[in-house]
């Protein structure tokens, strides 16, 4: 299986920090943010990775990551998202890289110490999303469970005002090659973007969606608050008092 890190966008929620570089190169404690998803992939045995980036600071990634060897990668390449077209649009740029194989996809601002290796190893087909119970699910895509079959997801709602569960769809996904067919069926949302929630709902409607609870620590680092809290967690984990 190959890995994809989605690290585009302008990082406007982190202005003025992102005036000077891409959001995903900002430090989370003592390492650039993008190091964390790379290490998650490497730990799961994924050594071929494509990073989708964009915006005015895209070239900074090459200076920081070089060829990826220092982080344990065998192969690293980049794709450039020309517009702010959304997560699904960014993922559409990886079709040639996937070359028919499943993809482990991680949003570039996600940090976790969970071991996703078993899920990667046992994946066969369809899609697999990782869920985490959170205190503020309205910030995320939220799964709606079937009342008659509590482990079955019947839909995902994007940033609902009244979430139907306390689970967030984290920015970690595994997709088979049908993902590109489903992306082509997506229509721009009110934000003018192709939403990954729509892609996930196509998998649900096709009966091809699975989910796992993400064990361990997980947080995005895309706001000042979550960037601070993630840095605090990793400092403690690395033994800094």
Protein backbone atom coordinates (compact mmCIF):
# COMPACT_ATOMS: atom_id res chain seq x y z
CA UNK A 1 0.00 0.00 0.00
CA UNK A 2 1.12 3.53 -0.78
CA UNK A 3 0.64 6.62 1.37
CA UNK A 4 -0.69 10.09 0.63
CA UNK A 5 -0.36 13.18 2.83
CA UNK A 6 -2.67 16.07 1.97
CA UNK A 7 -0.85 19.26 2.88
CA UNK A 8 -2.36 21.97 0.70
CA UNK A 9 -4.38 25.04 1.63
CA UNK A 10 -3.34 28.48 2.76
CA UNK A 11 -3.54 27.81 6.52
CA UNK A 12 -5.55 31.01 6.99
CA UNK A 13 -6.65 29.99 10.51
CA UNK A 14 -3.00 30.22 11.53
CA UNK A 15 -2.23 33.66 10.11
CA UNK A 16 0.19 35.38 10.65
CA UNK A 17 2.35 32.27 11.19
CA UNK A 18 1.52 31.01 7.70
CA UNK A 19 2.54 34.23 6.00
CA UNK A 20 6.09 32.87 6.10
CA UNK A 21 5.68 29.15 5.34
CA UNK A 22 3.18 26.37 4.69
CA UNK A 23 1.06 25.42 7.72
CA UNK A 24 2.30 21.84 7.64
CA UNK A 25 5.90 22.96 8.15
CA UNK A 26 5.15 24.83 11.37
CA UNK A 27 6.63 23.18 14.48
CA UNK A 28 4.63 20.82 16.64
CA UNK A 29 6.93 20.90 19.66
CA UNK A 30 10.35 20.06 18.16
CA UNK A 31 9.49 18.80 14.66
CA UNK A 32 7.72 20.14 11.59
CA UNK A 33 4.04 19.22 11.59
CA UNK A 34 4.34 17.05 8.46
CA UNK A 35 6.90 14.78 10.16
CA UNK A 36 4.12 13.31 12.30
CA UNK A 37 1.96 11.85 9.51
CA UNK A 38 5.09 10.66 7.72
CA UNK A 39 6.17 8.75 10.83
CA UNK A 40 2.66 7.29 11.19
CA UNK A 41 2.91 5.90 7.66
CA UNK A 42 6.43 4.58 8.12
CA UNK A 43 5.44 2.87 11.36
CA UNK A 44 2.62 1.15 9.45
CA UNK A 45 5.11 -0.17 6.90
CA UNK A 46 4.32 2.36 4.15
CA UNK A 47 7.50 3.64 2.53
CA UNK A 48 6.22 5.15 -0.76
CA UNK A 49 4.56 8.50 -0.14
CA UNK A 50 3.15 11.36 -2.18
CA UNK A 51 2.55 14.76 -0.59
CA UNK A 52 -0.06 17.02 -2.15
CA UNK A 53 0.72 20.63 -1.38
CA UNK A 54 -0.19 24.05 -2.71
CA UNK A 55 -0.05 27.77 -2.08
CA UNK A 56 2.90 30.15 -2.27
CA UNK A 57 5.22 28.15 0.02
CA UNK A 58 4.94 24.71 -1.61
CA UNK A 59 8.63 24.66 -2.52
CA UNK A 60 9.61 24.78 1.14
CA UNK A 61 8.74 21.07 1.49
CA UNK A 62 11.64 19.96 -0.68
CA UNK A 63 14.13 21.90 1.43
CA UNK A 64 12.78 20.34 4.64
CA UNK A 65 12.07 16.76 3.51
CA UNK A 66 14.63 16.35 0.72
CA UNK A 67 14.12 12.79 -0.60
CA UNK A 68 12.53 11.46 2.60
CA UNK A 69 15.32 8.98 3.36
CA UNK A 70 16.08 10.53 6.75
CA UNK A 71 12.50 9.82 7.83
CA UNK A 72 12.53 6.22 6.65
CA UNK A 73 10.89 6.63 3.24
CA UNK A 74 11.99 4.69 0.19
CA UNK A 75 10.28 7.01 -2.29
CA UNK A 76 8.87 10.52 -1.91
CA UNK A 77 7.18 12.67 -4.51
CA UNK A 78 5.00 15.76 -4.64
CA UNK A 79 1.90 16.99 -6.43
CA UNK A 80 0.73 20.59 -6.61
CA UNK A 81 -2.91 21.58 -6.07
CA UNK A 82 -3.37 24.77 -8.07
CA UNK A 83 -6.55 26.01 -6.37
CA UNK A 84 -8.21 25.64 -2.98
CA UNK A 85 -10.47 22.90 -4.28
CA UNK A 86 -10.92 20.83 -1.14
CA UNK A 87 -9.61 17.54 0.21
CA UNK A 88 -11.26 15.34 -2.42
CA UNK A 89 -9.88 17.55 -5.18
CA UNK A 90 -6.39 17.21 -3.70
CA UNK A 91 -6.80 13.44 -3.51
CA UNK A 92 -7.80 13.30 -7.19
CA UNK A 93 -4.23 14.35 -8.07
CA UNK A 94 -2.86 11.07 -6.72
CA UNK A 95 -4.51 8.67 -9.19
CA UNK A 96 -1.39 8.03 -11.27
CA UNK A 97 0.70 7.58 -8.12
CA UNK A 98 -1.79 5.01 -6.75
CA UNK A 99 -1.43 2.94 -9.94
CA UNK A 100 -4.40 0.77 -8.94
CA UNK A 101 -3.22 0.14 -5.38
CA UNK A 102 -5.08 1.11 -2.18
CA UNK A 103 -4.01 4.34 -0.52
CA UNK A 104 -3.52 5.25 3.12
CA UNK A 105 -4.45 8.94 3.25
CA UNK A 106 -3.59 11.30 6.12
CA UNK A 107 -4.30 14.99 6.42
CA UNK A 108 -1.03 16.80 6.93
CA UNK A 109 -2.09 18.55 10.15
CA UNK A 110 -2.98 15.31 11.96
CA UNK A 111 -0.75 14.02 14.75
CA UNK A 112 -1.28 10.63 16.37
CA UNK A 113 0.65 7.95 18.21
CA UNK A 114 -1.83 5.25 17.19
CA UNK A 115 -0.51 2.14 15.44
CA UNK A 116 -2.51 1.78 12.23
CA UNK A 117 -0.29 -1.04 10.95
CA UNK A 118 -2.80 -3.88 11.55
CA UNK A 119 -5.56 -1.98 9.74
CA UNK A 120 -3.23 -1.34 6.80
CA UNK A 121 -2.11 -4.97 6.69
CA UNK A 122 -5.64 -6.39 6.83
CA UNK A 123 -7.31 -3.98 4.40
CA UNK A 124 -8.88 -5.70 1.39
CA UNK A 125 -11.34 -3.41 -0.41
CA UNK A 126 -13.73 -0.49 -0.05
CA UNK A 127 -12.90 2.23 2.45
CA UNK A 128 -11.88 2.34 6.08
CA UNK A 129 -12.18 5.46 8.23
CA UNK A 130 -10.77 5.99 11.69
CA UNK A 131 -13.04 7.53 14.34
CA UNK A 132 -12.20 9.24 17.61
CA UNK A 133 -14.52 10.33 20.41
CA UNK A 134 -14.08 14.08 20.89
CA UNK A 135 -15.64 16.84 23.04
CA UNK A 136 -16.34 19.06 20.01
CA UNK A 137 -17.58 16.84 17.15
CA UNK A 138 -19.26 19.79 15.41
CA UNK A 139 -15.79 20.79 14.13
CA UNK A 140 -15.53 17.60 12.07
CA UNK A 141 -17.31 15.14 9.87
CA UNK A 142 -19.55 13.14 12.24
CA UNK A 143 -20.81 9.58 11.66
CA UNK A 144 -24.49 8.79 11.98
CA UNK A 145 -25.02 5.25 13.29
CA UNK A 146 -27.95 2.98 12.48
CA UNK A 147 -30.11 2.74 15.66
CA UNK A 148 -30.84 -0.93 14.88
CA UNK A 149 -27.21 -1.81 14.12
CA UNK A 150 -25.00 0.41 16.32
CA UNK A 151 -21.77 -0.48 14.51
CA UNK A 152 -23.16 0.43 11.09
CA UNK A 153 -22.63 3.94 9.75
CA UNK A 154 -25.52 5.14 7.58
CA UNK A 155 -24.17 8.61 6.78
CA UNK A 156 -21.52 11.18 7.62
CA UNK A 157 -22.55 14.77 8.28
CA UNK A 158 -20.03 17.56 7.70
CA UNK A 159 -19.64 19.93 10.68
CA UNK A 160 -23.22 19.49 11.94
CA UNK A 161 -24.67 22.01 14.39
CA UNK A 162 -26.33 19.16 16.28
CA UNK A 163 -24.04 16.11 16.00
CA UNK A 164 -25.76 12.73 16.15
CA UNK A 165 -22.74 11.14 17.85
CA UNK A 166 -19.64 12.22 19.77
CA UNK A 167 -17.31 10.70 17.20
CA UNK A 168 -15.19 12.65 14.73
CA UNK A 169 -14.01 11.28 11.42
CA UNK A 170 -10.28 11.78 11.86
CA UNK A 171 -8.08 12.75 8.95
CA UNK A 172 -6.92 9.18 8.39
CA UNK A 173 -8.54 7.09 5.66
CA UNK A 174 -7.82 3.96 3.62
CA UNK A 175 -9.34 3.80 0.13
CA UNK A 176 -9.30 1.31 -2.70
CA UNK A 177 -9.10 2.49 -6.30
CA UNK A 178 -12.85 3.20 -6.47
CA UNK A 179 -12.12 6.46 -4.66
CA UNK A 180 -11.25 8.19 -7.92
CA UNK A 181 -14.56 7.16 -9.51
CA UNK A 182 -16.41 8.55 -6.48
CA UNK A 183 -14.44 11.81 -6.56
CA UNK A 184 -15.55 12.33 -10.16
CA UNK A 185 -19.17 12.11 -8.97
CA UNK A 186 -18.70 14.86 -6.35
CA UNK A 187 -20.13 18.32 -6.89
CA UNK A 188 -18.70 21.46 -5.27
CA UNK A 189 -20.14 22.26 -1.85
CA UNK A 190 -21.33 25.69 -0.72
CA UNK A 191 -17.66 26.40 0.02
CA UNK A 192 -16.85 25.69 -3.63
CA UNK A 193 -14.85 22.60 -2.67
CA UNK A 194 -15.04 18.87 -3.33
CA UNK A 195 -15.66 17.41 0.11
CA UNK A 196 -14.14 14.17 1.36
CA UNK A 197 -17.36 13.63 3.33
CA UNK A 198 -19.20 13.22 0.00
CA UNK A 199 -16.65 10.61 -1.08
CA UNK A 200 -17.15 8.73 2.19
CA UNK A 201 -20.92 8.86 1.77
CA UNK A 202 -20.62 7.30 -1.70
CA UNK A 203 -18.74 4.41 -0.11
CA UNK A 204 -21.44 4.12 2.59
CA UNK A 205 -24.23 4.09 -0.01
CA UNK A 206 -22.37 1.34 -1.89
CA UNK A 207 -22.04 -0.78 1.25
CA UNK A 208 -18.25 -0.53 1.13
CA UNK A 209 -17.48 1.46 4.28
CA UNK A 210 -15.75 0.09 7.37
CA UNK A 211 -14.55 1.92 10.45
CA UNK A 212 -12.19 1.47 13.36
CA UNK A 213 -11.82 3.40 16.57
CA UNK A 214 -8.44 5.10 16.63
CA UNK A 215 -6.55 3.98 19.72
CA UNK A 216 -4.16 6.37 21.38
CA UNK A 217 -3.63 10.09 21.04
CA UNK A 218 -4.96 12.02 18.06
CA UNK A 219 -5.39 15.69 17.31
CA UNK A 220 -5.35 18.02 14.38
CA UNK A 221 -3.00 20.98 14.69
CA UNK A 222 -4.77 23.36 12.36
CA UNK A 223 -5.83 26.04 14.84
CA UNK A 224 -3.87 28.03 17.41
CA UNK A 225 -5.52 26.07 20.22
CA UNK A 226 -4.96 22.60 18.74
CA UNK A 227 -1.42 23.49 17.63
CA UNK A 228 -0.62 24.48 21.21
CA UNK A 229 -2.28 21.38 22.73
CA UNK A 230 -0.58 19.04 20.26
CA UNK A 231 2.81 20.60 21.03
CA UNK A 232 2.11 20.23 24.73
CA UNK A 233 1.25 16.52 24.33
CA UNK A 234 4.32 15.69 22.25
CA UNK A 235 6.64 17.61 24.58
CA UNK A 236 5.35 15.54 27.49
CA UNK A 237 5.55 12.29 25.51
CA UNK A 238 9.17 13.06 24.62
CA UNK A 239 10.03 13.62 28.26
CA UNK A 240 10.07 17.41 28.52
CA UNK A 241 8.70 18.66 31.82
